[in-house]
Amino acid sequence: MQMEKSDKQEIEKLRKSLKEMSQTIKELREIIQTRPNLPVISFRPPKKKVGPIYHNVCNFDDKDHLGLSDDALFVQGFDISPPRHEIKTALWNHFSSCGKVYQIYVPIACSSGASLGYAFIDMKDETKGLTLSGSHLGGRKLHVMMARYRSEFGCSSNLSSCQRCRTYKPWLVERALSKARFAKHWRRKPQTVGTPYSKIGRFTAIIGRPLKL
């Protein structure tokens, strides 16, 4: 009997609490209806604003992409989680076992700085470099082939998401560098015949100068 009495008391307390809550909700509704300019109160946690992920890097920040020969190698299969310079160092050490390495270009995604999963290697003897296809670097199997057979060679369309290099044209830079090297070659001091003060010496110095374009 005592248990039933205590249960009834608990039920009465719950009913009373529910009635008070209902009355409070009713009063709040009336306040909201009579005052429409009140700020909206939300009990949900505020959402964090997520801005675009942008690392201050660009695929063309360095000049490794310039001057690759048609005999460059295309390499895939290496670990893409390390930074660009670490991938380049690891590939350089690995391929140096087959001869002199001239250049290594590791393309990256400008938005994240992560490697795109392939690299180009220019070395003295590319036929020896091809023998490293199937070898392991950092526990991963490498796939090596000639770069000229790949669509990625000389193509930067997959890097167009970067605002800084969207209008960048690597071939224009290579053309400018070629012109600069050509001009430097012809800026060498001409060999003077006779003394600088003789007529033949002055004539040789004049005709030996490069033409100004």
Protein backbone atom coordinates (compact mmCIF):
# COMPACT_ATOMS: atom_id res chain seq x y z
CA MET A 1 0.00 0.00 0.00
CA GLN A 2 2.86 2.35 0.82
CA MET A 3 4.42 1.62 -2.59
CA GLU A 4 1.19 2.49 -4.38
CA LYS A 5 0.88 5.68 -2.37
CA SER A 6 4.44 6.77 -3.20
CA ASP A 7 3.87 5.99 -6.89
CA LYS A 8 0.75 8.15 -6.90
CA GLN A 9 2.70 10.97 -5.32
CA GLU A 10 5.40 10.72 -8.01
CA ILE A 11 2.78 10.73 -10.73
CA GLU A 12 1.15 13.82 -9.23
CA LYS A 13 4.53 15.58 -9.14
CA LEU A 14 5.15 14.73 -12.79
CA ARG A 15 1.70 15.97 -13.77
CA LYS A 16 2.30 19.20 -11.90
CA SER A 17 5.69 19.68 -13.56
CA LEU A 18 4.22 18.97 -16.99
CA LYS A 19 1.43 21.47 -16.35
CA GLU A 20 3.96 24.13 -15.34
CA MET A 21 6.07 23.46 -18.45
CA SER A 22 3.00 23.68 -20.68
CA GLN A 23 2.07 27.00 -19.09
CA THR A 24 5.62 28.33 -19.60
CA ILE A 25 5.63 27.30 -23.26
CA LYS A 26 2.26 28.97 -23.74
CA GLU A 27 3.56 32.21 -22.25
CA LEU A 28 6.66 32.10 -24.45
CA ARG A 29 4.54 31.65 -27.56
CA GLU A 30 2.43 34.65 -26.61
CA ILE A 31 5.57 36.76 -26.12
CA ILE A 32 6.96 35.70 -29.50
CA GLN A 33 3.68 36.46 -31.27
CA THR A 34 3.34 39.89 -29.70
CA ARG A 35 7.01 40.81 -30.29
CA PRO A 36 8.00 39.67 -33.80
CA ASN A 37 11.28 41.62 -33.79
CA LEU A 38 12.86 39.48 -31.10
CA PRO A 39 16.01 37.63 -32.21
CA VAL A 40 15.62 33.97 -33.03
CA ILE A 41 17.12 31.77 -30.33
CA SER A 42 18.56 28.47 -31.51
CA PHE A 43 19.74 25.75 -29.17
CA ARG A 44 21.77 24.02 -31.88
CA PRO A 45 25.56 24.44 -31.77
CA PRO A 46 26.71 27.08 -34.28
CA LYS A 47 28.15 25.77 -37.52
CA LYS A 48 31.77 26.60 -38.17
CA LYS A 49 32.44 28.47 -41.38
CA VAL A 50 34.70 26.40 -43.58
CA GLY A 51 36.63 28.51 -46.04
CA PRO A 52 38.43 27.22 -49.12
CA ILE A 53 41.58 25.27 -48.38
CA TYR A 54 44.45 27.17 -49.95
CA HIS A 55 48.10 26.51 -49.33
CA ASN A 56 50.47 29.23 -50.39
CA VAL A 57 52.08 27.06 -53.04
CA CYS A 58 51.87 26.86 -56.79
CA ASN A 59 52.95 24.06 -59.08
CA PHE A 60 55.07 26.48 -61.07
CA ASP A 61 56.79 28.13 -58.08
CA ASP A 62 60.04 26.41 -59.05
CA LYS A 63 61.47 25.92 -62.53
CA ASP A 64 61.73 22.12 -62.57
CA HIS A 65 59.02 22.00 -65.23
CA LEU A 66 61.16 23.92 -67.71
CA GLY A 67 63.58 22.32 -70.14
CA LEU A 68 62.45 18.69 -69.93
CA SER A 69 63.77 16.77 -72.92
CA ASP A 70 61.72 14.48 -75.17
CA ASP A 71 63.63 11.55 -73.65
CA ALA A 72 62.37 12.25 -70.13
CA LEU A 73 60.98 9.36 -68.07
CA PHE A 74 57.48 9.13 -66.61
CA VAL A 75 57.36 7.61 -63.11
CA GLN A 76 54.36 6.46 -61.07
CA GLY A 77 53.79 4.38 -57.96
CA PHE A 78 55.76 6.31 -55.34
CA ASP A 79 54.34 7.51 -52.03
CA ILE A 80 52.60 10.86 -52.56
CA SER A 81 52.14 11.74 -48.87
CA PRO A 82 55.57 13.38 -48.29
CA PRO A 83 56.22 16.98 -49.38
CA ARG A 84 57.35 17.72 -52.90
CA HIS A 85 61.04 18.19 -52.07
CA GLU A 86 61.20 14.89 -50.17
CA ILE A 87 59.67 13.01 -53.11
CA LYS A 88 62.16 14.66 -55.44
CA THR A 89 65.12 13.73 -53.21
CA ALA A 90 63.97 10.11 -52.89
CA LEU A 91 63.54 9.75 -56.67
CA TRP A 92 66.88 11.44 -57.31
CA ASN A 93 68.73 9.03 -55.00
CA HIS A 94 66.90 6.04 -56.48
CA PHE A 95 67.53 6.84 -60.14
CA SER A 96 71.11 8.00 -59.57
CA SER A 97 72.02 4.34 -59.34
CA CYS A 98 71.48 4.15 -63.13
CA GLY A 99 73.54 7.17 -64.10
CA LYS A 100 73.54 10.93 -63.90
CA VAL A 101 70.21 12.61 -63.23
CA TYR A 102 69.77 16.07 -64.73
CA GLN A 103 66.31 17.10 -63.63
CA ILE A 104 63.23 15.85 -61.74
CA TYR A 105 59.82 17.49 -61.96
CA VAL A 106 57.10 16.48 -59.47
CA PRO A 107 53.75 18.13 -60.39
CA ILE A 108 51.52 19.07 -57.46
CA ALA A 109 47.93 20.18 -56.95
CA CYS A 110 48.02 23.91 -56.24
CA SER A 111 45.01 23.74 -53.92
CA SER A 112 46.60 21.27 -51.49
CA GLY A 113 50.29 21.03 -52.33
CA ALA A 114 49.99 17.25 -52.68
CA SER A 115 51.67 15.34 -55.48
CA LEU A 116 49.52 14.36 -58.46
CA GLY A 117 51.01 10.86 -58.32
CA TYR A 118 53.56 11.05 -61.10
CA ALA A 119 56.92 12.65 -61.88
CA PHE A 120 59.20 13.33 -64.85
CA ILE A 121 62.90 12.48 -64.74
CA ASP A 122 65.53 13.70 -67.18
CA MET A 123 68.75 11.68 -67.00
CA LYS A 124 71.83 10.94 -69.09
CA ASP A 125 70.89 7.36 -70.01
CA GLU A 126 67.13 6.92 -70.05
CA THR A 127 67.42 3.27 -71.16
CA LYS A 128 69.06 2.42 -67.84
CA GLY A 129 66.37 4.37 -66.03
CA LEU A 130 63.71 2.22 -67.69
CA THR A 131 65.21 -0.84 -65.99
CA LEU A 132 63.99 0.53 -62.64
CA SER A 133 60.39 -0.15 -63.66
CA GLY A 134 59.17 -2.72 -61.16
CA SER A 135 61.70 -1.71 -58.52
CA HIS A 136 60.56 -0.64 -55.07
CA LEU A 137 60.94 2.77 -53.46
CA GLY A 138 59.79 3.11 -49.87
CA GLY A 139 57.96 -0.20 -50.11
CA ARG A 140 56.04 0.83 -53.22
CA LYS A 141 56.43 -0.53 -56.74
CA LEU A 142 57.47 1.98 -59.38
CA HIS A 143 56.21 2.07 -62.96
CA VAL A 144 58.60 3.73 -65.40
CA MET A 145 58.07 4.49 -69.08
CA MET A 146 58.96 7.15 -71.65
CA ALA A 147 57.15 10.41 -70.91
CA ARG A 148 56.44 11.23 -74.56
CA TYR A 149 53.89 8.41 -74.66
CA ARG A 150 51.87 9.95 -71.82
CA SER A 151 49.18 12.61 -72.15
CA GLU A 152 50.43 14.28 -68.95
CA PHE A 153 53.71 15.23 -70.63
CA GLY A 154 53.63 18.91 -71.51
CA CYS A 155 50.03 19.29 -70.36
CA SER A 156 49.00 21.56 -67.48
CA SER A 157 45.21 21.54 -67.97
CA ASN A 158 44.70 19.58 -64.75
CA LEU A 159 46.31 22.45 -62.83
CA SER A 160 43.85 25.13 -63.96
CA SER A 161 42.25 25.38 -60.51
CA CYS A 162 45.06 27.59 -59.27
CA GLN A 163 44.26 31.29 -59.72
CA ARG A 164 47.93 32.23 -59.96
CA CYS A 165 49.00 29.79 -62.65
CA ARG A 166 45.72 29.61 -64.58
CA THR A 167 47.09 31.89 -67.29
CA TYR A 168 50.67 30.65 -66.98
CA LYS A 169 52.18 29.36 -70.23
CA PRO A 170 55.35 27.29 -69.62
CA TRP A 171 56.26 27.22 -73.32
CA LEU A 172 56.41 31.03 -73.38
CA VAL A 173 58.89 30.97 -70.50
CA GLU A 174 60.98 28.33 -72.27
CA ARG A 175 60.97 30.43 -75.44
CA ALA A 176 62.14 33.48 -73.49
CA LEU A 177 64.91 31.46 -71.82
CA SER A 178 66.05 30.11 -75.19
CA LYS A 179 66.22 33.64 -76.59
CA ALA A 180 68.18 34.78 -73.55
CA ARG A 181 70.69 31.93 -73.93
CA PHE A 182 71.04 32.68 -77.65
CA ALA A 183 71.63 36.38 -76.97
CA LYS A 184 74.17 35.57 -74.25
CA HIS A 185 76.06 33.33 -76.68
CA TRP A 186 76.40 36.18 -79.20
CA ARG A 187 77.33 38.73 -76.56
CA ARG A 188 80.80 37.20 -76.24
CA LYS A 189 83.64 39.64 -76.72
CA PRO A 190 84.76 39.52 -80.37
CA GLN A 191 88.32 38.69 -81.22
CA THR A 192 90.15 41.88 -82.21
CA VAL A 193 92.63 41.76 -85.07
CA GLY A 194 95.39 44.33 -84.72
CA THR A 195 95.39 46.97 -81.98
CA PRO A 196 92.20 48.52 -80.60
CA TYR A 197 93.30 51.85 -82.02
CA SER A 198 94.01 50.67 -85.57
CA LYS A 199 91.42 50.86 -88.32
CA ILE A 200 91.24 47.07 -88.73
CA GLY A 201 90.86 46.62 -84.98
CA ARG A 202 87.94 49.05 -84.77
CA PHE A 203 86.31 47.48 -87.85
CA THR A 204 86.52 43.94 -86.39
CA ALA A 205 85.05 45.08 -83.07
CA ILE A 206 82.13 46.76 -84.84
CA ILE A 207 81.17 43.86 -87.11
CA GLY A 208 81.58 41.42 -84.23
CA ARG A 209 78.81 42.98 -82.18
CA PRO A 210 75.39 41.27 -82.19
CA LEU A 211 72.55 42.93 -84.00
CA LYS A 212 70.01 44.65 -81.75
CA LEU A 213 66.58 43.18 -82.45
